[in-house]
Amino acid sequence: MEEFLAFRKMITPMIIQVIFWIGVVLAVILGFVMLFQNVLLGLIQIIVGPILVRIWCELVILAFKMLETLQEIRENTRPRA
């Protein structure tokens, strides 16, 4: 709890996982709706939609992973007192 209050641990990566699953569900629902208008586009949406949601979420999480790595580098390269 102290890490959250001190902003040493980010909660956004956990929230991104929830957003991922919501995005997958919405992409699949949209794909099924599109099936009634155009079968091919509906199938493409059902297959490609979740993949695109995953890529977007991974890019957001990547920013946080880079931040964590840079913080570790900073801590490891600090002069020892």
N, C-alpha and C. Protein backbone atom coordinates (compact mmCIF):
# COMPACT_ATOMS: atom_id res chain seq x y z
N MET A 1 0.82 -1.19 0.00
CA MET A 1 0.00 0.00 0.00
C MET A 1 0.87 1.26 0.00
N GLU A 2 1.98 1.19 0.73
CA GLU A 2 2.87 2.34 0.82
C GLU A 2 3.47 2.68 -0.55
N GLU A 3 3.75 1.63 -1.37
CA GLU A 3 4.32 1.87 -2.70
C GLU A 3 3.34 2.62 -3.60
N PHE A 4 2.04 2.31 -3.47
CA PHE A 4 1.04 3.02 -4.25
C PHE A 4 0.94 4.48 -3.82
N LEU A 5 0.95 4.71 -2.52
CA LEU A 5 0.82 6.07 -2.01
C LEU A 5 2.05 6.92 -2.32
N ALA A 6 3.21 6.28 -2.42
CA ALA A 6 4.44 7.00 -2.72
C ALA A 6 4.71 7.07 -4.24
N PHE A 7 3.81 6.53 -5.03
CA PHE A 7 3.92 6.52 -6.49
C PHE A 7 5.15 5.77 -6.97
N ARG A 8 5.59 4.77 -6.21
CA ARG A 8 6.70 3.93 -6.65
C ARG A 8 6.20 2.76 -7.48
N LYS A 9 4.96 2.39 -7.29
CA LYS A 9 4.34 1.31 -8.06
C LYS A 9 3.18 1.89 -8.84
N MET A 10 3.18 1.67 -10.14
CA MET A 10 2.14 2.22 -11.00
C MET A 10 0.93 1.27 -11.04
N ILE A 11 -0.26 1.85 -11.01
CA ILE A 11 -1.46 1.04 -11.11
C ILE A 11 -1.98 0.98 -12.54
N THR A 12 -1.48 1.85 -13.40
CA THR A 12 -1.96 1.89 -14.77
C THR A 12 -1.75 0.57 -15.51
N PRO A 13 -0.62 -0.14 -15.37
CA PRO A 13 -0.50 -1.42 -16.06
C PRO A 13 -1.60 -2.42 -15.68
N MET A 14 -2.05 -2.39 -14.44
CA MET A 14 -3.15 -3.27 -14.04
C MET A 14 -4.46 -2.82 -14.69
N ILE A 15 -4.65 -1.52 -14.77
CA ILE A 15 -5.85 -0.98 -15.39
C ILE A 15 -5.86 -1.30 -16.89
N ILE A 16 -4.68 -1.29 -17.51
CA ILE A 16 -4.57 -1.59 -18.95
C ILE A 16 -5.04 -3.02 -19.22
N GLN A 17 -4.80 -3.95 -18.31
CA GLN A 17 -5.26 -5.32 -18.50
C GLN A 17 -6.78 -5.37 -18.52
N VAL A 18 -7.42 -4.61 -17.67
CA VAL A 18 -8.88 -4.55 -17.66
C VAL A 18 -9.38 -3.92 -18.96
N ILE A 19 -8.73 -2.84 -19.38
CA ILE A 19 -9.11 -2.18 -20.63
C ILE A 19 -8.93 -3.13 -21.81
N PHE A 20 -7.89 -3.96 -21.77
CA PHE A 20 -7.68 -4.95 -22.83
C PHE A 20 -8.88 -5.87 -22.97
N TRP A 21 -9.33 -6.44 -21.86
CA TRP A 21 -10.44 -7.39 -21.93
C TRP A 21 -11.74 -6.70 -22.35
N ILE A 22 -11.94 -5.48 -21.91
CA ILE A 22 -13.12 -4.73 -22.35
C ILE A 22 -13.02 -4.48 -23.86
N GLY A 23 -11.84 -4.11 -24.34
CA GLY A 23 -11.63 -3.87 -25.76
C GLY A 23 -11.86 -5.11 -26.60
N VAL A 24 -11.40 -6.27 -26.09
CA VAL A 24 -11.60 -7.52 -26.82
C VAL A 24 -13.09 -7.84 -26.93
N VAL A 25 -13.80 -7.70 -25.83
CA VAL A 25 -15.24 -7.98 -25.84
C VAL A 25 -15.95 -7.03 -26.81
N LEU A 26 -15.61 -5.75 -26.77
CA LEU A 26 -16.24 -4.79 -27.68
C LEU A 26 -15.89 -5.08 -29.14
N ALA A 27 -14.66 -5.47 -29.41
CA ALA A 27 -14.26 -5.79 -30.79
C ALA A 27 -15.03 -6.99 -31.32
N VAL A 28 -15.21 -7.99 -30.49
CA VAL A 28 -15.94 -9.19 -30.92
C VAL A 28 -17.42 -8.87 -31.11
N ILE A 29 -17.99 -8.11 -30.19
CA ILE A 29 -19.41 -7.72 -30.34
C ILE A 29 -19.59 -6.91 -31.62
N LEU A 30 -18.69 -5.96 -31.86
CA LEU A 30 -18.77 -5.18 -33.09
C LEU A 30 -18.63 -6.08 -34.31
N GLY A 31 -17.78 -7.08 -34.22
CA GLY A 31 -17.63 -8.03 -35.33
C GLY A 31 -18.91 -8.78 -35.61
N PHE A 32 -19.59 -9.21 -34.56
CA PHE A 32 -20.86 -9.91 -34.75
C PHE A 32 -21.93 -8.99 -35.34
N VAL A 33 -21.94 -7.74 -34.92
CA VAL A 33 -22.88 -6.78 -35.49
C VAL A 33 -22.56 -6.56 -36.97
N MET A 34 -21.29 -6.48 -37.28
CA MET A 34 -20.89 -6.28 -38.68
C MET A 34 -21.20 -7.49 -39.55
N LEU A 35 -21.30 -8.67 -38.94
CA LEU A 35 -21.64 -9.87 -39.71
C LEU A 35 -22.97 -9.72 -40.44
N PHE A 36 -23.90 -8.99 -39.86
CA PHE A 36 -25.21 -8.81 -40.48
C PHE A 36 -25.14 -7.90 -41.70
N GLN A 37 -24.14 -7.02 -41.73
CA GLN A 37 -24.01 -6.09 -42.86
C GLN A 37 -23.07 -6.63 -43.92
N ASN A 38 -21.94 -7.16 -43.48
CA ASN A 38 -20.94 -7.67 -44.41
C ASN A 38 -20.20 -8.80 -43.69
N VAL A 39 -20.41 -10.01 -44.16
CA VAL A 39 -19.85 -11.19 -43.48
C VAL A 39 -18.34 -11.14 -43.43
N LEU A 40 -17.71 -10.78 -44.54
CA LEU A 40 -16.24 -10.76 -44.59
C LEU A 40 -15.66 -9.73 -43.62
N LEU A 41 -16.21 -8.52 -43.63
CA LEU A 41 -15.71 -7.50 -42.70
C LEU A 41 -15.97 -7.88 -41.25
N GLY A 42 -17.10 -8.53 -40.98
CA GLY A 42 -17.39 -8.99 -39.63
C GLY A 42 -16.38 -10.01 -39.14
N LEU A 43 -16.04 -10.95 -40.00
CA LEU A 43 -15.04 -11.96 -39.63
C LEU A 43 -13.67 -11.34 -39.42
N ILE A 44 -13.32 -10.39 -40.29
CA ILE A 44 -12.04 -9.70 -40.13
C ILE A 44 -12.01 -8.95 -38.80
N GLN A 45 -13.11 -8.29 -38.46
CA GLN A 45 -13.19 -7.55 -37.19
C GLN A 45 -13.05 -8.50 -36.00
N ILE A 46 -13.69 -9.65 -36.06
CA ILE A 46 -13.62 -10.61 -34.95
C ILE A 46 -12.19 -11.13 -34.77
N ILE A 47 -11.46 -11.28 -35.87
CA ILE A 47 -10.10 -11.83 -35.78
C ILE A 47 -9.07 -10.73 -35.52
N VAL A 48 -9.14 -9.64 -36.27
CA VAL A 48 -8.11 -8.61 -36.20
C VAL A 48 -8.34 -7.63 -35.04
N GLY A 49 -9.59 -7.39 -34.68
CA GLY A 49 -9.91 -6.44 -33.63
C GLY A 49 -9.19 -6.71 -32.32
N PRO A 50 -9.31 -7.93 -31.77
CA PRO A 50 -8.59 -8.22 -30.52
C PRO A 50 -7.07 -8.12 -30.65
N ILE A 51 -6.54 -8.43 -31.82
CA ILE A 51 -5.10 -8.32 -32.03
C ILE A 51 -4.67 -6.86 -31.96
N LEU A 52 -5.44 -5.99 -32.60
CA LEU A 52 -5.11 -4.56 -32.56
C LEU A 52 -5.25 -3.98 -31.15
N VAL A 53 -6.24 -4.44 -30.41
CA VAL A 53 -6.40 -3.99 -29.02
C VAL A 53 -5.19 -4.44 -28.21
N ARG A 54 -4.74 -5.66 -28.42
CA ARG A 54 -3.57 -6.18 -27.70
C ARG A 54 -2.32 -5.36 -28.02
N ILE A 55 -2.13 -5.05 -29.30
CA ILE A 55 -0.96 -4.26 -29.70
C ILE A 55 -0.99 -2.89 -29.03
N TRP A 56 -2.15 -2.25 -29.02
CA TRP A 56 -2.26 -0.92 -28.40
C TRP A 56 -1.94 -1.01 -26.91
N CYS A 57 -2.49 -2.01 -26.23
CA CYS A 57 -2.23 -2.17 -24.79
C CYS A 57 -0.76 -2.45 -24.52
N GLU A 58 -0.13 -3.26 -25.36
CA GLU A 58 1.29 -3.56 -25.17
C GLU A 58 2.14 -2.30 -25.34
N LEU A 59 1.77 -1.44 -26.27
CA LEU A 59 2.52 -0.20 -26.45
C LEU A 59 2.40 0.71 -25.23
N VAL A 60 1.24 0.75 -24.63
CA VAL A 60 1.06 1.57 -23.43
C VAL A 60 1.87 0.98 -22.28
N ILE A 61 1.82 -0.33 -22.10
CA ILE A 61 2.58 -0.98 -21.03
C ILE A 61 4.08 -0.83 -21.27
N LEU A 62 4.48 -0.83 -22.54
CA LEU A 62 5.89 -0.66 -22.87
C LEU A 62 6.45 0.63 -22.29
N ALA A 63 5.68 1.69 -22.34
CA ALA A 63 6.13 2.97 -21.77
C ALA A 63 6.41 2.82 -20.27
N PHE A 64 5.57 2.08 -19.57
CA PHE A 64 5.79 1.88 -18.13
C PHE A 64 6.98 0.97 -17.87
N LYS A 65 7.18 -0.03 -18.71
CA LYS A 65 8.35 -0.91 -18.55
C LYS A 65 9.64 -0.12 -18.78
N MET A 66 9.62 0.78 -19.77
CA MET A 66 10.80 1.61 -20.01
C MET A 66 11.09 2.50 -18.81
N LEU A 67 10.04 3.05 -18.20
CA LEU A 67 10.21 3.88 -17.01
C LEU A 67 10.83 3.08 -15.87
N GLU A 68 10.34 1.87 -15.65
CA GLU A 68 10.89 1.03 -14.58
C GLU A 68 12.36 0.71 -14.84
N THR A 69 12.69 0.39 -16.08
CA THR A 69 14.07 0.07 -16.42
C THR A 69 14.98 1.27 -16.24
N LEU A 70 14.51 2.44 -16.66
CA LEU A 70 15.32 3.65 -16.47
C LEU A 70 15.53 3.97 -14.99
N GLN A 71 14.51 3.71 -14.17
CA GLN A 71 14.67 3.93 -12.74
C GLN A 71 15.70 2.97 -12.15
N GLU A 72 15.70 1.71 -12.60
CA GLU A 72 16.69 0.75 -12.13
C GLU A 72 18.09 1.16 -12.56
N ILE A 73 18.23 1.64 -13.79
CA ILE A 73 19.54 2.09 -14.27
C ILE A 73 20.02 3.26 -13.42
N ARG A 74 19.13 4.20 -13.13
CA ARG A 74 19.50 5.36 -12.32
C ARG A 74 19.96 4.91 -10.93
N GLU A 75 19.22 3.97 -10.33
CA GLU A 75 19.59 3.51 -8.99
C GLU A 75 20.92 2.76 -9.00
N ASN A 76 21.18 2.00 -10.06
CA ASN A 76 22.41 1.23 -10.13
C ASN A 76 23.63 2.05 -10.50
N THR A 77 23.43 3.21 -11.07
CA THR A 77 24.56 4.04 -11.47
C THR A 77 24.81 5.21 -10.54
N ARG A 78 24.04 5.31 -9.47
CA ARG A 78 24.26 6.37 -8.48
C ARG A 78 25.59 6.16 -7.79
N PRO A 79 26.29 7.23 -7.54
CA PRO A 79 27.54 7.08 -6.77
C PRO A 79 27.23 6.63 -5.34
N ARG A 80 28.00 5.71 -4.87
CA ARG A 80 27.80 5.20 -3.50
C ARG A 80 28.41 6.18 -2.50
N ALA A 81 27.69 6.44 -1.41
CA ALA A 81 28.19 7.39 -0.41
C ALA A 81 28.83 6.67 0.74
